[in-house]
Amino acid sequence: MKTEISSQVVFINEKLSRIRNIYARWAQKRNISFTTMQVLHLLLVDGSLTQYQICERYEIPRQSVNNVVNNLKDIGYITLDVKDNNRREKLIVLTNEGLEYSKALFDPLFEIQESLITKMNRESAEQLIKLLTAFGDILEQEMDISNGYPTNEKGGTYHSKGTIK
């Protein structure tokens, strides 16, 4: 059953997926994973962060961030520093080599993004941010209050055989 609203939601999701995939292809052409690109981007832009902060900002699964962090540590691009005497929470910091690599990696992308925002104009970009934020917030709220199970005409649920993979 396709309605105008469901068509709009599909279209929005297609466009969001396209943008994510453009960034993923950009990372792939540079022989890094999309998640590694996200982690390096945040560290370059924000400086030091914890794994938790990275997970929260880009909504990346904890295990994925942990794998990237271990890999970047092994190749010498980051160090882990104890945060505020809390041995369990460590700040991830780019090393000089990691900083040099990240700048070389992202400087061309930053130029592309600067050109993009200039062509769109800053006001349109700000409006897009507000709209996407509202869309995400409302979607999350609506999904949080939904029971999550499809119901049949008798009021029962179809989903009773465990998780569908």
C-alpha atoms as a PDB file:
ATOM      1  CA  MET A   1       0.000   0.000   0.000  1.00  0.00           C
ATOM      2  CA  LYS A   2       1.815   3.051  -1.265  1.00  0.00           C
ATOM      3  CA  THR A   3       0.688   6.484  -0.129  1.00  0.00           C
ATOM      4  CA  GLU A   4       2.106   9.904  -0.849  1.00  0.00           C
ATOM      5  CA  ILE A   5       3.586  10.023   2.654  1.00  0.00           C
ATOM      6  CA  SER A   6       5.186   6.579   2.407  1.00  0.00           C
ATOM      7  CA  SER A   7       6.621   7.590  -0.976  1.00  0.00           C
ATOM      8  CA  GLN A   8       8.119  10.704   0.602  1.00  0.00           C
ATOM      9  CA  VAL A   9       9.678   8.675   3.425  1.00  0.00           C
ATOM     10  CA  VAL A  10      11.131   6.203   0.929  1.00  0.00           C
ATOM     11  CA  PHE A  11      12.537   9.106  -1.099  1.00  0.00           C
ATOM     12  CA  ILE A  12      14.088  10.712   2.017  1.00  0.00           C
ATOM     13  CA  ASN A  13      15.666   7.396   3.019  1.00  0.00           C
ATOM     14  CA  GLU A  14      17.004   6.874  -0.502  1.00  0.00           C
ATOM     15  CA  LYS A  15      18.641  10.318  -0.464  1.00  0.00           C
ATOM     16  CA  LEU A  16      20.152   9.799   3.000  1.00  0.00           C
ATOM     17  CA  SER A  17      21.451   6.392   1.920  1.00  0.00           C
ATOM     18  CA  ARG A  18      22.929   7.915  -1.231  1.00  0.00           C
ATOM     19  CA  ILE A  19      24.839  10.537   0.760  1.00  0.00           C
ATOM     20  CA  ARG A  20      26.194   7.932   3.179  1.00  0.00           C
ATOM     21  CA  ASN A  21      27.247   5.734   0.262  1.00  0.00           C
ATOM     22  CA  ILE A  22      29.026   8.633  -1.465  1.00  0.00           C
ATOM     23  CA  TYR A  23      31.133   9.065   1.674  1.00  0.00           C
ATOM     24  CA  ALA A  24      31.643   5.284   1.921  1.00  0.00           C
ATOM     25  CA  ARG A  25      32.876   5.131  -1.693  1.00  0.00           C
ATOM     26  CA  TRP A  26      35.206   8.056  -0.999  1.00  0.00           C
ATOM     27  CA  ALA A  27      36.682   6.108   1.930  1.00  0.00           C
ATOM     28  CA  GLN A  28      36.901   2.904  -0.090  1.00  0.00           C
ATOM     29  CA  LYS A  29      38.858   4.660  -2.851  1.00  0.00           C
ATOM     30  CA  ARG A  30      41.395   5.595  -0.153  1.00  0.00           C
ATOM     31  CA  ASN A  31      41.585   2.024   1.157  1.00  0.00           C
ATOM     32  CA  ILE A  32      39.960   2.678   4.525  1.00  0.00           C
ATOM     33  CA  SER A  33      36.644   1.564   5.932  1.00  0.00           C
ATOM     34  CA  PHE A  34      33.795   4.002   6.327  1.00  0.00           C
ATOM     35  CA  THR A  35      33.936   3.545  10.110  1.00  0.00           C
ATOM     36  CA  THR A  36      37.681   4.277  10.161  1.00  0.00           C
ATOM     37  CA  MET A  37      36.990   7.416   8.156  1.00  0.00           C
ATOM     38  CA  GLN A  38      34.340   8.502  10.671  1.00  0.00           C
ATOM     39  CA  VAL A  39      36.649   7.923  13.652  1.00  0.00           C
ATOM     40  CA  LEU A  40      39.585   9.752  12.067  1.00  0.00           C
ATOM     41  CA  HIS A  41      37.314  12.618  11.020  1.00  0.00           C
ATOM     42  CA  LEU A  42      36.029  13.153  14.557  1.00  0.00           C
ATOM     43  CA  LEU A  43      39.526  12.968  16.035  1.00  0.00           C
ATOM     44  CA  LEU A  44      40.869  15.451  13.492  1.00  0.00           C
ATOM     45  CA  VAL A  45      38.016  17.910  13.974  1.00  0.00           C
ATOM     46  CA  ASP A  46      37.459  17.556  17.736  1.00  0.00           C
ATOM     47  CA  GLY A  47      40.859  16.483  19.032  1.00  0.00           C
ATOM     48  CA  SER A  48      40.680  13.831  21.723  1.00  0.00           C
ATOM     49  CA  LEU A  49      37.533  11.800  22.366  1.00  0.00           C
ATOM     50  CA  THR A  50      36.554   8.641  24.195  1.00  0.00           C
ATOM     51  CA  GLN A  51      35.200   5.586  22.396  1.00  0.00           C
ATOM     52  CA  TYR A  52      31.831   6.290  24.003  1.00  0.00           C
ATOM     53  CA  GLN A  53      31.786   9.843  22.585  1.00  0.00           C
ATOM     54  CA  ILE A  54      32.606   8.550  19.099  1.00  0.00           C
ATOM     55  CA  CYS A  55      29.860   5.906  19.338  1.00  0.00           C
ATOM     56  CA  GLU A  56      27.359   8.548  20.422  1.00  0.00           C
ATOM     57  CA  ARG A  57      28.255  11.146  17.807  1.00  0.00           C
ATOM     58  CA  TYR A  58      27.997   8.889  14.750  1.00  0.00           C
ATOM     59  CA  GLU A  59      25.841   6.162  16.313  1.00  0.00           C
ATOM     60  CA  ILE A  60      28.447   3.536  15.513  1.00  0.00           C
ATOM     61  CA  PRO A  61      28.296   0.189  17.349  1.00  0.00           C
ATOM     62  CA  ARG A  62      30.772   0.005  20.234  1.00  0.00           C
ATOM     63  CA  GLN A  63      32.490  -3.104  18.870  1.00  0.00           C
ATOM     64  CA  SER A  64      33.057  -1.428  15.494  1.00  0.00           C
ATOM     65  CA  VAL A  65      34.672   1.608  17.141  1.00  0.00           C
ATOM     66  CA  ASN A  66      36.757  -0.666  19.355  1.00  0.00           C
ATOM     67  CA  ASN A  67      38.028  -2.588  16.300  1.00  0.00           C
ATOM     68  CA  VAL A  68      38.961   0.655  14.518  1.00  0.00           C
ATOM     69  CA  VAL A  69      40.662   2.038  17.632  1.00  0.00           C
ATOM     70  CA  ASN A  70      42.722  -1.128  18.091  1.00  0.00           C
ATOM     71  CA  ASN A  71      43.754  -1.058  14.429  1.00  0.00           C
ATOM     72  CA  LEU A  72      44.702   2.642  14.521  1.00  0.00           C
ATOM     73  CA  LYS A  73      46.652   2.053  17.728  1.00  0.00           C
ATOM     74  CA  ASP A  74      48.513  -0.913  16.194  1.00  0.00           C
ATOM     75  CA  ILE A  75      49.638   1.175  13.205  1.00  0.00           C
ATOM     76  CA  GLY A  76      50.656   4.078  15.410  1.00  0.00           C
ATOM     77  CA  TYR A  77      48.041   6.643  14.397  1.00  0.00           C
ATOM     78  CA  ILE A  78      46.520   7.061  17.871  1.00  0.00           C
ATOM     79  CA  THR A  79      47.379   6.745  21.532  1.00  0.00           C
ATOM     80  CA  LEU A  80      45.062   6.049  24.440  1.00  0.00           C
ATOM     81  CA  ASP A  81      45.435   8.376  27.413  1.00  0.00           C
ATOM     82  CA  VAL A  82      43.788   7.932  30.798  1.00  0.00           C
ATOM     83  CA  LYS A  83      40.994  10.469  31.260  1.00  0.00           C
ATOM     84  CA  ASP A  84      40.764  12.241  34.614  1.00  0.00           C
ATOM     85  CA  ASN A  85      42.366   9.355  36.553  1.00  0.00           C
ATOM     86  CA  ASN A  86      39.607   7.036  35.324  1.00  0.00           C
ATOM     87  CA  ARG A  87      41.516   3.998  34.048  1.00  0.00           C
ATOM     88  CA  ARG A  88      38.412   2.598  32.343  1.00  0.00           C
ATOM     89  CA  GLU A  89      37.756   5.679  30.230  1.00  0.00           C
ATOM     90  CA  LYS A  90      40.542   6.548  27.834  1.00  0.00           C
ATOM     91  CA  LEU A  91      40.926   9.514  25.533  1.00  0.00           C
ATOM     92  CA  ILE A  92      41.832   8.651  21.967  1.00  0.00           C
ATOM     93  CA  VAL A  93      44.403  11.086  20.608  1.00  0.00           C
ATOM     94  CA  LEU A  94      45.962  11.274  17.151  1.00  0.00           C
ATOM     95  CA  THR A  95      49.728  10.844  17.121  1.00  0.00           C
ATOM     96  CA  ASN A  96      51.815  13.160  14.946  1.00  0.00           C
ATOM     97  CA  GLU A  97      51.812  10.453  12.281  1.00  0.00           C
ATOM     98  CA  GLY A  98      48.042  10.007  12.630  1.00  0.00           C
ATOM     99  CA  LEU A  99      47.503  13.761  12.458  1.00  0.00           C
ATOM    100  CA  GLU A 100      49.632  14.019   9.314  1.00  0.00           C
ATOM    101  CA  TYR A 101      47.765  11.114   7.697  1.00  0.00           C
ATOM    102  CA  SER A 102      44.351  12.501   8.686  1.00  0.00           C
ATOM    103  CA  LYS A 103      45.149  15.956   7.318  1.00  0.00           C
ATOM    104  CA  ALA A 104      46.321  14.462   4.022  1.00  0.00           C
ATOM    105  CA  LEU A 105      43.205  12.305   3.910  1.00  0.00           C
ATOM    106  CA  PHE A 106      40.642  14.972   4.806  1.00  0.00           C
ATOM    107  CA  ASP A 107      41.995  18.221   3.386  1.00  0.00           C
ATOM    108  CA  PRO A 108      40.665  17.382  -0.111  1.00  0.00           C
ATOM    109  CA  LEU A 109      37.317  16.341   1.386  1.00  0.00           C
ATOM    110  CA  PHE A 110      37.092  19.558   3.410  1.00  0.00           C
ATOM    111  CA  GLU A 111      37.612  21.522   0.188  1.00  0.00           C
ATOM    112  CA  ILE A 112      34.827  19.558  -1.502  1.00  0.00           C
ATOM    113  CA  GLN A 113      32.508  20.160   1.452  1.00  0.00           C
ATOM    114  CA  GLU A 114      33.348  23.872   1.537  1.00  0.00           C
ATOM    115  CA  SER A 115      32.497  24.092  -2.166  1.00  0.00           C
ATOM    116  CA  LEU A 116      29.280  22.149  -1.574  1.00  0.00           C
ATOM    117  CA  ILE A 117      28.065  24.466   1.184  1.00  0.00           C
ATOM    118  CA  THR A 118      29.034  27.527  -0.844  1.00  0.00           C
ATOM    119  CA  LYS A 119      27.047  26.242  -3.846  1.00  0.00           C
ATOM    120  CA  MET A 120      24.054  25.348  -1.663  1.00  0.00           C
ATOM    121  CA  ASN A 121      24.448  28.557   0.374  1.00  0.00           C
ATOM    122  CA  ARG A 122      24.843  28.515   4.139  1.00  0.00           C
ATOM    123  CA  GLU A 123      21.201  29.255   4.868  1.00  0.00           C
ATOM    124  CA  SER A 124      20.064  26.210   2.882  1.00  0.00           C
ATOM    125  CA  ALA A 125      22.636  24.070   4.686  1.00  0.00           C
ATOM    126  CA  GLU A 126      21.408  25.320   8.067  1.00  0.00           C
ATOM    127  CA  GLN A 127      17.819  24.621   7.057  1.00  0.00           C
ATOM    128  CA  LEU A 128      18.798  21.107   5.921  1.00  0.00           C
ATOM    129  CA  ILE A 129      20.461  20.457   9.295  1.00  0.00           C
ATOM    130  CA  LYS A 130      17.317  21.600  11.138  1.00  0.00           C
ATOM    131  CA  LEU A 131      15.042  19.478   8.949  1.00  0.00           C
ATOM    132  CA  LEU A 132      17.193  16.346   9.253  1.00  0.00           C
ATOM    133  CA  THR A 133      17.454  16.835  13.012  1.00  0.00           C
ATOM    134  CA  ALA A 134      13.677  17.162  13.322  1.00  0.00           C
ATOM    135  CA  PHE A 135      13.114  14.150  11.039  1.00  0.00           C
ATOM    136  CA  GLY A 136      15.492  12.003  13.102  1.00  0.00           C
ATOM    137  CA  ASP A 137      14.108  13.168  16.446  1.00  0.00           C
ATOM    138  CA  ILE A 138      10.489  12.561  15.473  1.00  0.00           C
ATOM    139  CA  LEU A 139      11.298   9.211  13.855  1.00  0.00           C
ATOM    140  CA  GLU A 140      13.120   8.075  16.981  1.00  0.00           C
ATOM    141  CA  GLN A 141      10.269   9.214  19.256  1.00  0.00           C
ATOM    142  CA  GLU A 142       7.644   7.488  17.134  1.00  0.00           C
ATOM    143  CA  MET A 143       9.635   4.259  16.973  1.00  0.00           C
ATOM    144  CA  ASP A 144      10.268   4.332  20.724  1.00  0.00           C
ATOM    145  CA  ILE A 145       6.520   4.408  21.439  1.00  0.00           C
ATOM    146  CA  SER A 146       5.669   1.760  18.826  1.00  0.00           C
ATOM    147  CA  ASN A 147       5.349  -1.797  20.145  1.00  0.00           C
ATOM    148  CA  GLY A 148       7.380  -3.011  17.183  1.00  0.00           C
ATOM    149  CA  TYR A 149       5.316  -6.069  16.280  1.00  0.00           C
ATOM    150  CA  PRO A 150       2.987  -6.241  13.276  1.00  0.00           C
ATOM    151  CA  THR A 151      -0.546  -7.281  14.260  1.00  0.00           C
ATOM    152  CA  ASN A 152      -3.053  -9.361  12.363  1.00  0.00           C
ATOM    153  CA  GLU A 153      -6.781  -8.639  12.037  1.00  0.00           C
ATOM    154  CA  LYS A 154      -7.470 -10.604  15.253  1.00  0.00           C
ATOM    155  CA  GLY A 155      -5.170  -8.321  17.237  1.00  0.00           C
ATOM    156  CA  GLY A 156      -2.446 -10.941  17.599  1.00  0.00           C
ATOM    157  CA  THR A 157       1.132 -10.529  16.463  1.00  0.00           C
ATOM    158  CA  TYR A 158       2.745 -12.281  13.519  1.00  0.00           C
ATOM    159  CA  HIS A 159       6.175 -12.218  15.053  1.00  0.00           C
ATOM    160  CA  SER A 160       6.459 -15.134  17.472  1.00  0.00           C
ATOM    161  CA  LYS A 161       9.350 -17.235  16.139  1.00  0.00           C
ATOM    162  CA  GLY A 162      12.309 -15.278  17.525  1.00  0.00           C
ATOM    163  CA  THR A 163      14.509 -12.820  15.729  1.00  0.00           C
ATOM    164  CA  ILE A 164      14.338 -12.722  11.947  1.00  0.00           C
ATOM    165  CA  LYS A 165      17.797 -12.338  10.485  1.00  0.00           C
END
